[in-house]
Amino acid sequence: MSSTSKAWMVAASIGAVEALKDQLSISQAKTLAPSSAAVASSSKLKQEAQTSEESLRKVMYLSCWGPYS
């Protein structure tokens, strides 16, 4: 078997494995429903993002218009 044939066989095998992994992850995602812990975690992340955005806004404001500008 030539090296080109072997390379194509390996590439096809890897492609098949990746396709099966994708199918498995999609089927698992369909069966899993969001839990209350995931929803609470999501709202906590949103709150943290908002807090960090406000902090960044304050820093930008002070760097442009603060007492030392």
PDB file of N, CA and C in Angstrom:
ATOM      1  N   MET A   1       0.856  -1.167   0.000  1.00  0.00           N
ATOM      2  CA  MET A   1       0.000   0.000   0.000  1.00  0.00           C
ATOM      3  C   MET A   1       0.902   1.230   0.000  1.00  0.00           C
ATOM      4  N   SER A   2       0.600   2.161  -0.871  1.00  0.00           N
ATOM      5  CA  SER A   2       1.444   3.352  -0.971  1.00  0.00           C
ATOM      6  C   SER A   2       1.167   4.307   0.187  1.00  0.00           C
ATOM      7  N   SER A   3       2.094   5.229   0.371  1.00  0.00           N
ATOM      8  CA  SER A   3       1.937   6.177   1.481  1.00  0.00           C
ATOM      9  C   SER A   3       0.746   7.110   1.264  1.00  0.00           C
ATOM     10  N   THR A   4       0.433   7.398   0.016  1.00  0.00           N
ATOM     11  CA  THR A   4      -0.726   8.246  -0.283  1.00  0.00           C
ATOM     12  C   THR A   4      -2.016   7.537   0.116  1.00  0.00           C
ATOM     13  N   SER A   5      -2.091   6.257  -0.181  1.00  0.00           N
ATOM     14  CA  SER A   5      -3.283   5.480   0.184  1.00  0.00           C
ATOM     15  C   SER A   5      -3.436   5.421   1.698  1.00  0.00           C
ATOM     16  N   LYS A   6      -2.316   5.222   2.391  1.00  0.00           N
ATOM     17  CA  LYS A   6      -2.366   5.185   3.850  1.00  0.00           C
ATOM     18  C   LYS A   6      -2.821   6.530   4.414  1.00  0.00           C
ATOM     19  N   ALA A   7      -2.330   7.609   3.830  1.00  0.00           N
ATOM     20  CA  ALA A   7      -2.718   8.939   4.303  1.00  0.00           C
ATOM     21  C   ALA A   7      -4.214   9.167   4.128  1.00  0.00           C
ATOM     22  N   TRP A   8      -4.759   8.732   2.983  1.00  0.00           N
ATOM     23  CA  TRP A   8      -6.192   8.877   2.748  1.00  0.00           C
ATOM     24  C   TRP A   8      -7.004   8.019   3.711  1.00  0.00           C
ATOM     25  N   MET A   9      -6.507   6.831   4.016  1.00  0.00           N
ATOM     26  CA  MET A   9      -7.196   5.951   4.968  1.00  0.00           C
ATOM     27  C   MET A   9      -7.221   6.589   6.357  1.00  0.00           C
ATOM     28  N   VAL A  10      -6.108   7.155   6.763  1.00  0.00           N
ATOM     29  CA  VAL A  10      -6.036   7.807   8.069  1.00  0.00           C
ATOM     30  C   VAL A  10      -6.960   9.010   8.106  1.00  0.00           C
ATOM     31  N   ALA A  11      -6.938   9.815   7.044  1.00  0.00           N
ATOM     32  CA  ALA A  11      -7.795  11.000   6.987  1.00  0.00           C
ATOM     33  C   ALA A  11      -9.275  10.611   7.038  1.00  0.00           C
ATOM     34  N   ALA A  12      -9.646   9.562   6.319  1.00  0.00           N
ATOM     35  CA  ALA A  12     -11.042   9.112   6.323  1.00  0.00           C
ATOM     36  C   ALA A  12     -11.438   8.599   7.707  1.00  0.00           C
ATOM     37  N   SER A  13     -10.530   7.876   8.351  1.00  0.00           N
ATOM     38  CA  SER A  13     -10.825   7.365   9.695  1.00  0.00           C
ATOM     39  C   SER A  13     -11.007   8.501  10.693  1.00  0.00           C
ATOM     40  N   ILE A  14     -10.142   9.488  10.621  1.00  0.00           N
ATOM     41  CA  ILE A  14     -10.252  10.636  11.534  1.00  0.00           C
ATOM     42  C   ILE A  14     -11.557  11.381  11.276  1.00  0.00           C
ATOM     43  N   GLY A  15     -11.901  11.554  10.006  1.00  0.00           N
ATOM     44  CA  GLY A  15     -13.152  12.231   9.673  1.00  0.00           C
ATOM     45  C   GLY A  15     -14.362  11.492  10.213  1.00  0.00           C
ATOM     46  N   ALA A  16     -14.328  10.163  10.113  1.00  0.00           N
ATOM     47  CA  ALA A  16     -15.445   9.363  10.618  1.00  0.00           C
ATOM     48  C   ALA A  16     -15.562   9.479  12.132  1.00  0.00           C
ATOM     49  N   VAL A  17     -14.439   9.439  12.821  1.00  0.00           N
ATOM     50  CA  VAL A  17     -14.460   9.567  14.276  1.00  0.00           C
ATOM     51  C   VAL A  17     -14.996  10.930  14.688  1.00  0.00           C
ATOM     52  N   GLU A  18     -14.543  11.979  14.022  1.00  0.00           N
ATOM     53  CA  GLU A  18     -15.027  13.327  14.350  1.00  0.00           C
ATOM     54  C   GLU A  18     -16.527  13.457  14.092  1.00  0.00           C
ATOM     55  N   ALA A  19     -17.010  12.872  13.011  1.00  0.00           N
ATOM     56  CA  ALA A  19     -18.450  12.918  12.711  1.00  0.00           C
ATOM     57  C   ALA A  19     -19.247  12.203  13.792  1.00  0.00           C
ATOM     58  N   LEU A  20     -18.750  11.065  14.247  1.00  0.00           N
ATOM     59  CA  LEU A  20     -19.441  10.344  15.315  1.00  0.00           C
ATOM     60  C   LEU A  20     -19.433  11.134  16.617  1.00  0.00           C
ATOM     61  N   LYS A  21     -18.329  11.806  16.910  1.00  0.00           N
ATOM     62  CA  LYS A  21     -18.274  12.636  18.124  1.00  0.00           C
ATOM     63  C   LYS A  21     -19.298  13.760  18.053  1.00  0.00           C
ATOM     64  N   ASP A  22     -19.409  14.391  16.877  1.00  0.00           N
ATOM     65  CA  ASP A  22     -20.385  15.470  16.709  1.00  0.00           C
ATOM     66  C   ASP A  22     -21.807  14.953  16.896  1.00  0.00           C
ATOM     67  N   GLN A  23     -22.101  13.792  16.334  1.00  0.00           N
ATOM     68  CA  GLN A  23     -23.439  13.227  16.485  1.00  0.00           C
ATOM     69  C   GLN A  23     -23.743  12.930  17.946  1.00  0.00           C
ATOM     70  N   LEU A  24     -22.761  12.417  18.655  1.00  0.00           N
ATOM     71  CA  LEU A  24     -22.951  12.094  20.063  1.00  0.00           C
ATOM     72  C   LEU A  24     -23.187  13.359  20.878  1.00  0.00           C
ATOM     73  N   SER A  25     -22.409  14.402  20.613  1.00  0.00           N
ATOM     74  CA  SER A  25     -22.585  15.635  21.391  1.00  0.00           C
ATOM     75  C   SER A  25     -23.923  16.297  21.096  1.00  0.00           C
ATOM     76  N   ILE A  26     -24.381  16.200  19.850  1.00  0.00           N
ATOM     77  CA  ILE A  26     -25.682  16.788  19.502  1.00  0.00           C
ATOM     78  C   ILE A  26     -26.806  16.021  20.183  1.00  0.00           C
ATOM     79  N   SER A  27     -26.719  14.697  20.195  1.00  0.00           N
ATOM     80  CA  SER A  27     -27.785  13.918  20.823  1.00  0.00           C
ATOM     81  C   SER A  27     -27.795  14.137  22.335  1.00  0.00           C
ATOM     82  N   GLN A  28     -26.627  14.297  22.939  1.00  0.00           N
ATOM     83  CA  GLN A  28     -26.575  14.574  24.374  1.00  0.00           C
ATOM     84  C   GLN A  28     -27.137  15.959  24.675  1.00  0.00           C
ATOM     85  N   ALA A  29     -26.852  16.926  23.819  1.00  0.00           N
ATOM     86  CA  ALA A  29     -27.352  18.281  24.042  1.00  0.00           C
ATOM     87  C   ALA A  29     -28.876  18.324  23.957  1.00  0.00           C
ATOM     88  N   LYS A  30     -29.451  17.506  23.097  1.00  0.00           N
ATOM     89  CA  LYS A  30     -30.907  17.481  22.959  1.00  0.00           C
ATOM     90  C   LYS A  30     -31.567  16.872  24.189  1.00  0.00           C
ATOM     91  N   THR A  31     -30.920  15.893  24.811  1.00  0.00           N
ATOM     92  CA  THR A  31     -31.544  15.212  25.945  1.00  0.00           C
ATOM     93  C   THR A  31     -31.339  15.962  27.258  1.00  0.00           C
ATOM     94  N   LEU A  32     -30.321  16.803  27.334  1.00  0.00           N
ATOM     95  CA  LEU A  32     -30.069  17.530  28.573  1.00  0.00           C
ATOM     96  C   LEU A  32     -30.887  18.809  28.608  1.00  0.00           C
ATOM     97  N   ALA A  33     -31.608  19.009  29.669  1.00  0.00           N
ATOM     98  CA  ALA A  33     -32.367  20.229  29.855  1.00  0.00           C
ATOM     99  C   ALA A  33     -31.582  21.137  30.802  1.00  0.00           C
ATOM    100  N   PRO A  34     -31.718  22.440  30.660  1.00  0.00           N
ATOM    101  CA  PRO A  34     -30.996  23.334  31.564  1.00  0.00           C
ATOM    102  C   PRO A  34     -31.503  23.183  33.000  1.00  0.00           C
ATOM    103  N   SER A  35     -30.591  22.988  33.900  1.00  0.00           N
ATOM    104  CA  SER A  35     -30.970  22.828  35.299  1.00  0.00           C
ATOM    105  C   SER A  35     -31.064  24.198  35.956  1.00  0.00           C
ATOM    106  N   SER A  36     -31.644  24.232  37.139  1.00  0.00           N
ATOM    107  CA  SER A  36     -31.763  25.504  37.844  1.00  0.00           C
ATOM    108  C   SER A  36     -30.388  26.024  38.238  1.00  0.00           C
ATOM    109  N   ALA A  37     -29.431  25.124  38.492  1.00  0.00           N
ATOM    110  CA  ALA A  37     -28.074  25.554  38.826  1.00  0.00           C
ATOM    111  C   ALA A  37     -27.419  26.238  37.629  1.00  0.00           C
ATOM    112  N   ALA A  38     -27.666  25.716  36.429  1.00  0.00           N
ATOM    113  CA  ALA A  38     -27.099  26.326  35.230  1.00  0.00           C
ATOM    114  C   ALA A  38     -27.711  27.702  34.990  1.00  0.00           C
ATOM    115  N   VAL A  39     -29.004  27.835  35.238  1.00  0.00           N
ATOM    116  CA  VAL A  39     -29.668  29.121  35.065  1.00  0.00           C
ATOM    117  C   VAL A  39     -29.139  30.117  36.088  1.00  0.00           C
ATOM    118  N   ALA A  40     -28.962  29.690  37.343  1.00  0.00           N
ATOM    119  CA  ALA A  40     -28.428  30.574  38.380  1.00  0.00           C
ATOM    120  C   ALA A  40     -26.997  30.972  38.050  1.00  0.00           C
ATOM    121  N   SER A  41     -26.218  30.037  37.546  1.00  0.00           N
ATOM    122  CA  SER A  41     -24.839  30.324  37.165  1.00  0.00           C
ATOM    123  C   SER A  41     -24.809  31.333  36.023  1.00  0.00           C
ATOM    124  N   SER A  42     -25.726  31.187  35.087  1.00  0.00           N
ATOM    125  CA  SER A  42     -25.802  32.104  33.961  1.00  0.00           C
ATOM    126  C   SER A  42     -26.128  33.517  34.426  1.00  0.00           C
ATOM    127  N   SER A  43     -27.077  33.660  35.331  1.00  0.00           N
ATOM    128  CA  SER A  43     -27.430  34.997  35.813  1.00  0.00           C
ATOM    129  C   SER A  43     -26.292  35.594  36.624  1.00  0.00           C
ATOM    130  N   LYS A  44     -25.558  34.757  37.354  1.00  0.00           N
ATOM    131  CA  LYS A  44     -24.410  35.249  38.111  1.00  0.00           C
ATOM    132  C   LYS A  44     -23.325  35.748  37.155  1.00  0.00           C
ATOM    133  N   LEU A  45     -23.096  35.022  36.060  1.00  0.00           N
ATOM    134  CA  LEU A  45     -22.110  35.446  35.081  1.00  0.00           C
ATOM    135  C   LEU A  45     -22.507  36.763  34.429  1.00  0.00           C
ATOM    136  N   LYS A  46     -23.800  36.918  34.144  1.00  0.00           N
ATOM    137  CA  LYS A  46     -24.264  38.175  33.556  1.00  0.00           C
ATOM    138  C   LYS A  46     -24.047  39.330  34.510  1.00  0.00           C
ATOM    139  N   GLN A  47     -24.312  39.108  35.792  1.00  0.00           N
ATOM    140  CA  GLN A  47     -24.127  40.152  36.792  1.00  0.00           C
ATOM    141  C   GLN A  47     -22.648  40.517  36.920  1.00  0.00           C
ATOM    142  N   GLU A  48     -21.773  39.518  36.917  1.00  0.00           N
ATOM    143  CA  GLU A  48     -20.335  39.784  36.996  1.00  0.00           C
ATOM    144  C   GLU A  48     -19.854  40.548  35.763  1.00  0.00           C
ATOM    145  N   ALA A  49     -20.374  40.196  34.598  1.00  0.00           N
ATOM    146  CA  ALA A  49     -19.990  40.895  33.369  1.00  0.00           C
ATOM    147  C   ALA A  49     -20.437  42.349  33.423  1.00  0.00           C
ATOM    148  N   GLN A  50     -21.636  42.589  33.936  1.00  0.00           N
ATOM    149  CA  GLN A  50     -22.132  43.955  34.042  1.00  0.00           C
ATOM    150  C   GLN A  50     -21.283  44.760  35.022  1.00  0.00           C
ATOM    151  N   THR A  51     -20.908  44.148  36.150  1.00  0.00           N
ATOM    152  CA  THR A  51     -20.082  44.825  37.137  1.00  0.00           C
ATOM    153  C   THR A  51     -18.719  45.166  36.557  1.00  0.00           C
ATOM    154  N   SER A  52     -18.117  44.240  35.835  1.00  0.00           N
ATOM    155  CA  SER A  52     -16.801  44.513  35.256  1.00  0.00           C
ATOM    156  C   SER A  52     -16.906  45.559  34.152  1.00  0.00           C
ATOM    157  N   GLU A  53     -18.006  45.569  33.409  1.00  0.00           N
ATOM    158  CA  GLU A  53     -18.198  46.591  32.386  1.00  0.00           C
ATOM    159  C   GLU A  53     -18.327  47.974  33.019  1.00  0.00           C
ATOM    160  N   GLU A  54     -19.054  48.065  34.127  1.00  0.00           N
ATOM    161  CA  GLU A  54     -19.176  49.345  34.826  1.00  0.00           C
ATOM    162  C   GLU A  54     -17.822  49.810  35.362  1.00  0.00           C
ATOM    163  N   SER A  55     -17.024  48.888  35.868  1.00  0.00           N
ATOM    164  CA  SER A  55     -15.699  49.238  36.360  1.00  0.00           C
ATOM    165  C   SER A  55     -14.823  49.753  35.226  1.00  0.00           C
ATOM    166  N   LEU A  56     -14.872  49.086  34.100  1.00  0.00           N
ATOM    167  CA  LEU A  56     -14.090  49.528  32.946  1.00  0.00           C
ATOM    168  C   LEU A  56     -14.550  50.905  32.482  1.00  0.00           C
ATOM    169  N   ARG A  57     -15.856  51.129  32.471  1.00  0.00           N
ATOM    170  CA  ARG A  57     -16.384  52.425  32.058  1.00  0.00           C
ATOM    171  C   ARG A  57     -15.881  53.528  32.993  1.00  0.00           C
ATOM    172  N   LYS A  58     -15.860  53.234  34.292  1.00  0.00           N
ATOM    173  CA  LYS A  58     -15.379  54.208  35.266  1.00  0.00           C
ATOM    174  C   LYS A  58     -13.893  54.516  35.054  1.00  0.00           C
ATOM    175  N   VAL A  59     -13.104  53.486  34.814  1.00  0.00           N
ATOM    176  CA  VAL A  59     -11.668  53.680  34.576  1.00  0.00           C
ATOM    177  C   VAL A  59     -11.436  54.511  33.321  1.00  0.00           C
ATOM    178  N   MET A  60     -12.164  54.206  32.270  1.00  0.00           N
ATOM    179  CA  MET A  60     -12.015  54.980  31.033  1.00  0.00           C
ATOM    180  C   MET A  60     -12.426  56.428  31.236  1.00  0.00           C
ATOM    181  N   TYR A  61     -13.497  56.656  31.966  1.00  0.00           N
ATOM    182  CA  TYR A  61     -13.952  58.015  32.227  1.00  0.00           C
ATOM    183  C   TYR A  61     -12.898  58.786  33.018  1.00  0.00           C
ATOM    184  N   LEU A  62     -12.394  58.163  34.085  1.00  0.00           N
ATOM    185  CA  LEU A  62     -11.408  58.848  34.919  1.00  0.00           C
ATOM    186  C   LEU A  62     -10.094  59.079  34.180  1.00  0.00           C
ATOM    187  N   SER A  63      -9.723  58.157  33.279  1.00  0.00           N
ATOM    188  CA  SER A  63      -8.473  58.358  32.555  1.00  0.00           C
ATOM    189  C   SER A  63      -8.603  59.498  31.547  1.00  0.00           C
ATOM    190  N   CYS A  64      -9.818  59.745  31.068  1.00  0.00           N
ATOM    191  CA  CYS A  64     -10.014  60.841  30.120  1.00  0.00           C
ATOM    192  C   CYS A  64     -10.363  62.158  30.810  1.00  0.00           C
ATOM    193  N   TRP A  65     -11.170  62.110  31.866  1.00  0.00           N
ATOM    194  CA  TRP A  65     -11.708  63.323  32.461  1.00  0.00           C
ATOM    195  C   TRP A  65     -11.366  63.469  33.940  1.00  0.00           C
ATOM    196  N   GLY A  66     -10.498  62.620  34.456  1.00  0.00           N
ATOM    197  CA  GLY A  66     -10.188  62.616  35.870  1.00  0.00           C
ATOM    198  C   GLY A  66      -9.426  63.854  36.315  1.00  0.00           C
ATOM    199  N   PRO A  67      -9.079  63.911  37.607  1.00  0.00           N
ATOM    200  CA  PRO A  67      -8.454  65.095  38.171  1.00  0.00           C
ATOM    201  C   PRO A  67      -7.051  65.377  37.626  1.00  0.00           C
ATOM    202  N   TYR A  68      -6.406  64.394  37.010  1.00  0.00           N
ATOM    203  CA  TYR A  68      -5.028  64.599  36.557  1.00  0.00           C
ATOM    204  C   TYR A  68      -4.929  64.818  35.048  1.00  0.00           C
ATOM    205  N   SER A  69      -6.047  64.938  34.364  1.00  0.00           N
ATOM    206  CA  SER A  69      -5.946  65.080  32.912  1.00  0.00           C
ATOM    207  C   SER A  69      -5.754  66.509  32.493  1.00  0.00           C
TER     208      SER A  69
END
